[in-house]
Amino acid sequence: MFGWVVAAHQIAAGVIAFVAGFIRSVDGSYNFAFELSGTACIATALGVFLIGRSLKPVRPLAEAV
């Protein structure tokens, strides 16, 4: 699992670097890229509050068997 997390992180980092460069080429500034990144960080930080919350209790996998 750790390997998939690292691989996904590297792919996303490459994609976002390309997108930031594209925005710089079109707009002439990195400002929009930074604003977009900041918005994504805030949305993710708010989403963290939802981790572990569910409407019904989830049984551990060991008990489900």
C-alpha atoms as a PDB file:
ATOM      1  CA  MET A   1       0.000   0.000   0.000  1.00  0.00           C
ATOM      2  CA  PHE A   2       2.813   2.400   0.846  1.00  0.00           C
ATOM      3  CA  GLY A   3       4.254   1.966  -2.644  1.00  0.00           C
ATOM      4  CA  TRP A   4       0.950   2.947  -4.274  1.00  0.00           C
ATOM      5  CA  VAL A   5       0.725   6.059  -2.105  1.00  0.00           C
ATOM      6  CA  VAL A   6       4.267   7.068  -3.094  1.00  0.00           C
ATOM      7  CA  ALA A   7       3.583   6.357  -6.785  1.00  0.00           C
ATOM      8  CA  ALA A   8       0.352   8.375  -6.754  1.00  0.00           C
ATOM      9  CA  HIS A   9       2.145  11.249  -5.010  1.00  0.00           C
ATOM     10  CA  GLN A  10       4.891  11.307  -7.652  1.00  0.00           C
ATOM     11  CA  ILE A  11       2.431  11.183 -10.553  1.00  0.00           C
ATOM     12  CA  ALA A  12       0.304  13.960  -9.054  1.00  0.00           C
ATOM     13  CA  ALA A  13       3.399  16.076  -8.397  1.00  0.00           C
ATOM     14  CA  GLY A  14       4.453  15.746 -12.034  1.00  0.00           C
ATOM     15  CA  VAL A  15       0.987  16.577 -13.318  1.00  0.00           C
ATOM     16  CA  ILE A  16       0.581  19.635 -11.100  1.00  0.00           C
ATOM     17  CA  ALA A  17       4.047  20.903 -12.065  1.00  0.00           C
ATOM     18  CA  PHE A  18       3.045  20.642 -15.718  1.00  0.00           C
ATOM     19  CA  VAL A  19      -0.279  22.397 -15.047  1.00  0.00           C
ATOM     20  CA  ALA A  20       1.459  25.205 -13.142  1.00  0.00           C
ATOM     21  CA  GLY A  21       3.887  25.663 -16.037  1.00  0.00           C
ATOM     22  CA  PHE A  22       1.007  25.706 -18.504  1.00  0.00           C
ATOM     23  CA  ILE A  23      -0.802  28.332 -16.429  1.00  0.00           C
ATOM     24  CA  ARG A  24       2.422  30.381 -16.340  1.00  0.00           C
ATOM     25  CA  SER A  25       2.750  30.139 -20.136  1.00  0.00           C
ATOM     26  CA  VAL A  26      -0.841  31.220 -20.741  1.00  0.00           C
ATOM     27  CA  ASP A  27      -1.241  33.813 -17.993  1.00  0.00           C
ATOM     28  CA  GLY A  28       2.337  35.048 -17.614  1.00  0.00           C
ATOM     29  CA  SER A  29       2.244  34.595 -13.852  1.00  0.00           C
ATOM     30  CA  TYR A  30       2.103  31.820 -11.263  1.00  0.00           C
ATOM     31  CA  ASN A  31      -0.539  33.683  -9.232  1.00  0.00           C
ATOM     32  CA  PHE A  32      -3.499  31.617 -10.446  1.00  0.00           C
ATOM     33  CA  ALA A  33      -1.566  28.378  -9.894  1.00  0.00           C
ATOM     34  CA  PHE A  34      -0.853  29.401  -6.278  1.00  0.00           C
ATOM     35  CA  GLU A  35      -4.486  30.400  -5.731  1.00  0.00           C
ATOM     36  CA  LEU A  36      -5.647  27.081  -7.162  1.00  0.00           C
ATOM     37  CA  SER A  37      -3.224  25.167  -4.930  1.00  0.00           C
ATOM     38  CA  GLY A  38      -4.329  27.118  -1.866  1.00  0.00           C
ATOM     39  CA  THR A  39      -7.983  26.412  -2.609  1.00  0.00           C
ATOM     40  CA  ALA A  40      -7.241  22.703  -3.014  1.00  0.00           C
ATOM     41  CA  CYS A  41      -5.360  22.670   0.313  1.00  0.00           C
ATOM     42  CA  ILE A  42      -8.244  24.348   2.139  1.00  0.00           C
ATOM     43  CA  ALA A  43     -10.775  21.934   0.598  1.00  0.00           C
ATOM     44  CA  THR A  44      -8.610  18.982   1.618  1.00  0.00           C
ATOM     45  CA  ALA A  45      -8.138  20.322   5.150  1.00  0.00           C
ATOM     46  CA  LEU A  46     -11.909  20.662   5.515  1.00  0.00           C
ATOM     47  CA  GLY A  47     -12.360  17.141   4.129  1.00  0.00           C
ATOM     48  CA  VAL A  48     -10.049  15.757   6.814  1.00  0.00           C
ATOM     49  CA  PHE A  49     -12.717  16.575   9.381  1.00  0.00           C
ATOM     50  CA  LEU A  50     -14.977  14.002   7.694  1.00  0.00           C
ATOM     51  CA  ILE A  51     -12.510  11.134   8.038  1.00  0.00           C
ATOM     52  CA  GLY A  52     -13.834   8.445  10.338  1.00  0.00           C
ATOM     53  CA  ARG A  53     -17.356   9.815  10.413  1.00  0.00           C
ATOM     54  CA  SER A  54     -20.138   7.599   9.112  1.00  0.00           C
ATOM     55  CA  LEU A  55     -23.875   7.319   9.573  1.00  0.00           C
ATOM     56  CA  LYS A  56     -23.724   3.719  10.705  1.00  0.00           C
ATOM     57  CA  PRO A  57     -20.965   2.025  12.692  1.00  0.00           C
ATOM     58  CA  VAL A  58     -18.457   0.075  10.640  1.00  0.00           C
ATOM     59  CA  ARG A  59     -17.474  -3.339  11.989  1.00  0.00           C
ATOM     60  CA  PRO A  60     -13.793  -4.219  11.910  1.00  0.00           C
ATOM     61  CA  LEU A  61     -12.894  -6.698   9.178  1.00  0.00           C
ATOM     62  CA  ALA A  62     -11.865  -9.339  11.746  1.00  0.00           C
ATOM     63  CA  GLU A  63     -15.393  -9.364  13.189  1.00  0.00           C
ATOM     64  CA  ALA A  64     -17.070  -9.464   9.792  1.00  0.00           C
ATOM     65  CA  VAL A  65     -15.679 -12.930   9.001  1.00  0.00           C
END
